[in-house]
C-alpha atoms as a PDB file:
ATOM      1  CA  MET A   1     -10.538  51.519 -12.116  1.00  0.00           C
ATOM      2  CA  ARG A   2      -9.013  53.313  -9.137  1.00  0.00           C
ATOM      3  CA  THR A   3     -11.728  52.158  -6.913  1.00  0.00           C
ATOM      4  CA  PHE A   4     -12.148  48.731  -8.429  1.00  0.00           C
ATOM      5  CA  PHE A   5      -8.391  47.851  -6.775  1.00  0.00           C
ATOM      6  CA  ILE A   6      -9.432  49.927  -3.503  1.00  0.00           C
ATOM      7  CA  PHE A   7     -12.293  47.491  -3.018  1.00  0.00           C
ATOM      8  CA  LEU A   8     -10.203  44.394  -4.189  1.00  0.00           C
ATOM      9  CA  PHE A   9      -7.284  45.447  -1.690  1.00  0.00           C
ATOM     10  CA  SER A  10      -9.933  46.166   1.330  1.00  0.00           C
ATOM     11  CA  SER A  11     -11.892  42.839   0.585  1.00  0.00           C
ATOM     12  CA  ILE A  12      -8.853  40.810   0.634  1.00  0.00           C
ATOM     13  CA  LEU A  13      -7.493  42.469   3.707  1.00  0.00           C
ATOM     14  CA  PHE A  14     -10.364  42.454   5.976  1.00  0.00           C
ATOM     15  CA  SER A  15     -11.672  38.858   4.677  1.00  0.00           C
ATOM     16  CA  GLN A  16     -12.274  36.333   7.357  1.00  0.00           C
ATOM     17  CA  SER A  17     -12.207  33.095   5.745  1.00  0.00           C
ATOM     18  CA  LEU A  18     -12.328  30.219   8.066  1.00  0.00           C
ATOM     19  CA  SER A  19     -11.474  26.975   6.503  1.00  0.00           C
ATOM     20  CA  ILE A  20     -10.621  23.886   7.913  1.00  0.00           C
ATOM     21  CA  VAL A  21      -7.292  21.521   7.781  1.00  0.00           C
ATOM     22  CA  SER A  22      -7.750  17.970   7.586  1.00  0.00           C
ATOM     23  CA  GLU A  23      -4.271  15.694   8.232  1.00  0.00           C
ATOM     24  CA  LEU A  24      -3.576  12.009   8.643  1.00  0.00           C
ATOM     25  CA  ASP A  25      -0.291  11.092   9.437  1.00  0.00           C
ATOM     26  CA  THR A  26       0.096   8.587   7.320  1.00  0.00           C
ATOM     27  CA  THR A  27      -1.779   6.948   4.453  1.00  0.00           C
ATOM     28  CA  GLN A  28      -0.311   2.881   5.203  1.00  0.00           C
ATOM     29  CA  GLY A  29      -0.264   0.983   7.676  1.00  0.00           C
ATOM     30  CA  PHE A  30      -1.346  -2.583   9.003  1.00  0.00           C
ATOM     31  CA  ILE A  31      -3.962  -3.937  10.938  1.00  0.00           C
ATOM     32  CA  GLY A  32      -4.122  -2.956  14.613  1.00  0.00           C
ATOM     33  CA  ASP A  33      -2.196   0.463  13.696  1.00  0.00           C
ATOM     34  CA  ILE A  34      -3.305   3.810  14.911  1.00  0.00           C
ATOM     35  CA  PHE A  35      -3.673   6.448  12.278  1.00  0.00           C
ATOM     36  CA  GLN A  36      -3.760  10.116  13.683  1.00  0.00           C
ATOM     37  CA  TRP A  37      -6.236  12.027  12.045  1.00  0.00           C
ATOM     38  CA  THR A  38      -6.031  15.555  12.759  1.00  0.00           C
ATOM     39  CA  ILE A  39      -9.022  18.658  12.132  1.00  0.00           C
ATOM     40  CA  LYS A  40      -7.562  21.895  12.903  1.00  0.00           C
ATOM     41  CA  VAL A  41      -9.642  25.274  12.284  1.00  0.00           C
ATOM     42  CA  GLU A  42      -7.428  28.128  10.459  1.00  0.00           C
ATOM     43  CA  GLY A  43      -8.452  31.851  10.221  1.00  0.00           C
ATOM     44  CA  GLN A  44     -10.575  31.757  13.299  1.00  0.00           C
ATOM     45  CA  ASN A  45     -11.039  35.159  14.921  1.00  0.00           C
ATOM     46  CA  ASP A  46     -13.931  34.974  17.791  1.00  0.00           C
ATOM     47  CA  GLN A  47     -15.887  32.876  16.440  1.00  0.00           C
ATOM     48  CA  ALA A  48     -17.269  29.857  18.734  1.00  0.00           C
ATOM     49  CA  ILE A  49     -16.673  26.310  17.631  1.00  0.00           C
ATOM     50  CA  ARG A  50     -17.830  23.170  18.755  1.00  0.00           C
ATOM     51  CA  PHE A  51     -15.928  19.833  18.055  1.00  0.00           C
ATOM     52  CA  PRO A  52     -18.853  16.991  18.243  1.00  0.00           C
ATOM     53  CA  GLU A  53     -17.700  13.827  19.572  1.00  0.00           C
ATOM     54  CA  LEU A  54     -17.528  10.963  16.229  1.00  0.00           C
ATOM     55  CA  GLU A  55     -19.158   7.911  16.797  1.00  0.00           C
ATOM     56  CA  VAL A  56     -18.441   5.074  14.034  1.00  0.00           C
ATOM     57  CA  THR A  57     -20.888   2.326  13.832  1.00  0.00           C
ATOM     58  CA  ASN A  58     -18.437  -0.175  12.113  1.00  0.00           C
ATOM     59  CA  ASP A  59     -16.804  -2.859  12.564  1.00  0.00           C
ATOM     60  CA  THR A  60     -13.914  -2.798  10.531  1.00  0.00           C
ATOM     61  CA  ILE A  61     -12.529   0.452  12.159  1.00  0.00           C
ATOM     62  CA  SER A  62     -13.066   2.075  15.479  1.00  0.00           C
ATOM     63  CA  ILE A  63     -12.275   5.352  17.642  1.00  0.00           C
ATOM     64  CA  ARG A  64      -9.809   5.136  20.227  1.00  0.00           C
ATOM     65  CA  ASN A  65      -9.590   8.053  21.393  1.00  0.00           C
ATOM     66  CA  GLN A  66     -10.874  11.870  20.946  1.00  0.00           C
ATOM     67  CA  THR A  67      -8.534  14.776  22.027  1.00  0.00           C
ATOM     68  CA  LEU A  68      -9.284  18.512  21.618  1.00  0.00           C
ATOM     69  CA  ILE A  69      -6.113  20.595  20.772  1.00  0.00           C
ATOM     70  CA  HIS A  70      -5.612  24.332  22.388  1.00  0.00           C
ATOM     71  CA  GLU A  71      -3.418  26.675  21.440  1.00  0.00           C
ATOM     72  CA  ASN A  72      -2.466  29.537  23.650  1.00  0.00           C
ATOM     73  CA  GLY A  73      -5.634  28.966  25.412  1.00  0.00           C
ATOM     74  CA  LYS A  74      -7.727  28.530  22.562  1.00  0.00           C
ATOM     75  CA  LEU A  75      -9.833  25.451  20.911  1.00  0.00           C
ATOM     76  CA  ILE A  76      -7.975  25.143  17.633  1.00  0.00           C
ATOM     77  CA  GLY A  77      -8.883  21.440  16.708  1.00  0.00           C
ATOM     78  CA  ILE A  78      -9.398  17.725  17.374  1.00  0.00           C
ATOM     79  CA  GLU A  79      -7.398  15.038  17.094  1.00  0.00           C
ATOM     80  CA  PHE A  80      -8.752  11.494  16.256  1.00  0.00           C
ATOM     81  CA  GLU A  81      -6.932   8.016  16.864  1.00  0.00           C
ATOM     82  CA  ILE A  82      -8.339   5.855  14.270  1.00  0.00           C
ATOM     83  CA  VAL A  83      -7.784   1.606  14.335  1.00  0.00           C
ATOM     84  CA  ALA A  84      -8.677  -0.502  11.480  1.00  0.00           C
ATOM     85  CA  TRP A  85      -9.017  -4.308  12.152  1.00  0.00           C
ATOM     86  CA  ASP A  86      -9.513  -5.475   8.467  1.00  0.00           C
ATOM     87  CA  THR A  87      -7.347  -5.018   5.491  1.00  0.00           C
ATOM     88  CA  GLY A  88      -8.688  -2.663   2.635  1.00  0.00           C
ATOM     89  CA  ASP A  89      -8.690   0.879   1.629  1.00  0.00           C
ATOM     90  CA  TYR A  90     -10.554   3.159   3.661  1.00  0.00           C
ATOM     91  CA  ILE A  91     -11.642   6.793   4.070  1.00  0.00           C
ATOM     92  CA  THR A  92     -11.526   8.937   6.847  1.00  0.00           C
ATOM     93  CA  PRO A  93     -15.241   8.883   8.817  1.00  0.00           C
ATOM     94  CA  ASP A  94     -17.686  12.006   7.798  1.00  0.00           C
ATOM     95  CA  TYR A  95     -17.067  15.042  10.273  1.00  0.00           C
ATOM     96  CA  ALA A  96     -18.873  18.284  10.598  1.00  0.00           C
ATOM     97  CA  LEU A  97     -17.698  20.796  13.051  1.00  0.00           C
ATOM     98  CA  GLU A  98     -19.992  23.786  14.382  1.00  0.00           C
ATOM     99  CA  ILE A  99     -19.756  27.300  14.192  1.00  0.00           C
ATOM    100  CA  LEU A 100     -21.780  28.843  17.120  1.00  0.00           C
ATOM    101  CA  LYS A 101     -23.799  32.054  16.782  1.00  0.00           C
ATOM    102  CA  MET A 102     -23.122  34.628  19.656  1.00  0.00           C
ATOM    103  CA  ASP A 103     -26.055  32.855  21.893  1.00  0.00           C
ATOM    104  CA  GLY A 104     -24.522  29.934  21.662  1.00  0.00           C
ATOM    105  CA  THR A 105     -26.715  28.017  19.046  1.00  0.00           C
ATOM    106  CA  LYS A 106     -25.651  26.440  15.828  1.00  0.00           C
ATOM    107  CA  ASP A 107     -24.853  29.136  12.868  1.00  0.00           C
ATOM    108  CA  TYR A 108     -23.445  26.729  10.549  1.00  0.00           C
ATOM    109  CA  SER A 109     -21.422  23.426   9.957  1.00  0.00           C
ATOM    110  CA  ILE A 110     -18.472  22.932   8.191  1.00  0.00           C
ATOM    111  CA  SER A 111     -17.240  19.528   6.893  1.00  0.00           C
ATOM    112  CA  ALA A 112     -13.531  18.251   6.672  1.00  0.00           C
ATOM    113  CA  ASN A 113     -12.113  16.648   3.358  1.00  0.00           C
ATOM    114  CA  PRO A 114     -12.154  13.255   3.362  1.00  0.00           C
ATOM    115  CA  ILE A 115      -8.519  11.339   3.162  1.00  0.00           C
ATOM    116  CA  HIS A 116      -8.255   7.962   1.691  1.00  0.00           C
ATOM    117  CA  TYR A 117      -5.542   5.494   3.733  1.00  0.00           C
ATOM    118  CA  THR A 118      -4.795   1.963   3.478  1.00  0.00           C
ATOM    119  CA  VAL A 119      -4.586  -0.991   5.909  1.00  0.00           C
ATOM    120  CA  GLY A 120      -2.411  -4.015   4.830  1.00  0.00           C
ATOM    121  CA  SER A 121      -1.332  -7.192   6.536  1.00  0.00           C
ATOM    122  CA  VAL A 122       1.927  -7.984   7.981  1.00  0.00           C
ATOM    123  CA  LEU A 123       1.314 -11.806   6.648  1.00  0.00           C
ATOM    124  CA  ASN A 124       1.456 -10.642   3.124  1.00  0.00           C
ATOM    125  CA  LEU A 125       4.739  -9.176   3.729  1.00  0.00           C
ATOM    126  CA  SER A 126       6.773 -12.590   5.093  1.00  0.00           C
ATOM    127  CA  GLU A 127       8.191 -14.635   2.694  1.00  0.00           C
ATOM    128  CA  ASN A 128       6.861 -17.998   3.986  1.00  0.00           C
ATOM    129  CA  THR A 129       3.009 -17.535   3.615  1.00  0.00           C
ATOM    130  CA  GLU A 130       2.232 -20.679   4.663  1.00  0.00           C
ATOM    131  CA  TYR A 131       1.297 -21.409   8.647  1.00  0.00           C
ATOM    132  CA  ARG A 132       3.036 -22.946  10.921  1.00  0.00           C
ATOM    133  CA  PRO A 133       2.126 -26.748  12.495  1.00  0.00           C
ATOM    134  CA  LEU A 134       0.540 -26.423  15.803  1.00  0.00           C
ATOM    135  CA  LYS A 135       2.570 -27.311  18.753  1.00  0.00           C
ATOM    136  CA  GLY A 136       1.187 -29.354  21.835  1.00  0.00           C
ATOM    137  CA  PRO A 137       0.608 -27.819  25.336  1.00  0.00           C
ATOM    138  CA  VAL A 138       3.354 -27.251  27.493  1.00  0.00           C
ATOM    139  CA  SER A 139       3.929 -29.649  30.811  1.00  0.00           C
ATOM    140  CA  VAL A 140       4.100 -27.443  33.989  1.00  0.00           C
ATOM    141  CA  LYS A 141       5.459 -28.847  37.217  1.00  0.00           C
ATOM    142  CA  GLY A 142       2.574 -28.140  39.694  1.00  0.00           C
ATOM    143  CA  ILE A 143       3.707 -26.188  43.026  1.00  0.00           C
ATOM    144  CA  PHE A 144       2.376 -28.793  45.736  1.00  0.00           C
ATOM    145  CA  PRO A 145       3.905 -32.483  45.007  1.00  0.00           C
ATOM    146  CA  LEU A 146       0.725 -34.152  44.860  1.00  0.00           C
ATOM    147  CA  LYS A 147       1.803 -37.609  43.267  1.00  0.00           C
ATOM    148  CA  THR A 148       4.675 -37.589  45.955  1.00  0.00           C
ATOM    149  CA  VAL A 149       2.798 -37.353  48.977  1.00  0.00           C
ATOM    150  CA  LEU A 150      -0.075 -39.750  47.996  1.00  0.00           C
ATOM    151  CA  LEU A 151       2.575 -42.556  47.085  1.00  0.00           C
ATOM    152  CA  SER A 152       4.513 -41.512  50.200  1.00  0.00           C
ATOM    153  CA  ILE A 153       1.084 -42.173  52.047  1.00  0.00           C
ATOM    154  CA  ALA A 154       0.552 -45.176  50.489  1.00  0.00           C
ATOM    155  CA  LEU A 155       3.904 -46.812  51.095  1.00  0.00           C
ATOM    156  CA  PHE A 156       2.967 -46.133  54.697  1.00  0.00           C
END
């Protein structure tokens, strides 16, 4: 029994678990709002990690910016700016970071948990849901008084 506790204590003490934390700054927004999606690695010792670029081939969402996160000179995560262009319920894109071997080749990959978020419309919040009537163009005075010059020439 004593050896079991020693084994259990040593395995907890010397375990080197690597985990990914996936966070979204908000789960509700409007069309055109920027959602900050952060993926960080916890429990990283000396493992080399590659954060590949995220490419989205979708008309309803786009990735505006991708920024690597450094802490104390160590790469610990990546942050994405996601913009949604249509209303509805969305899930963050599939993303997997790569854990590298000592020689730089891929050892294995870990996927980030998907997060659900909702995009609404500002028009649904307004009290008057009818469109306003169209207005005509605004007249603009010219810089050079061409009409006055032509009439003056015609008089002489």
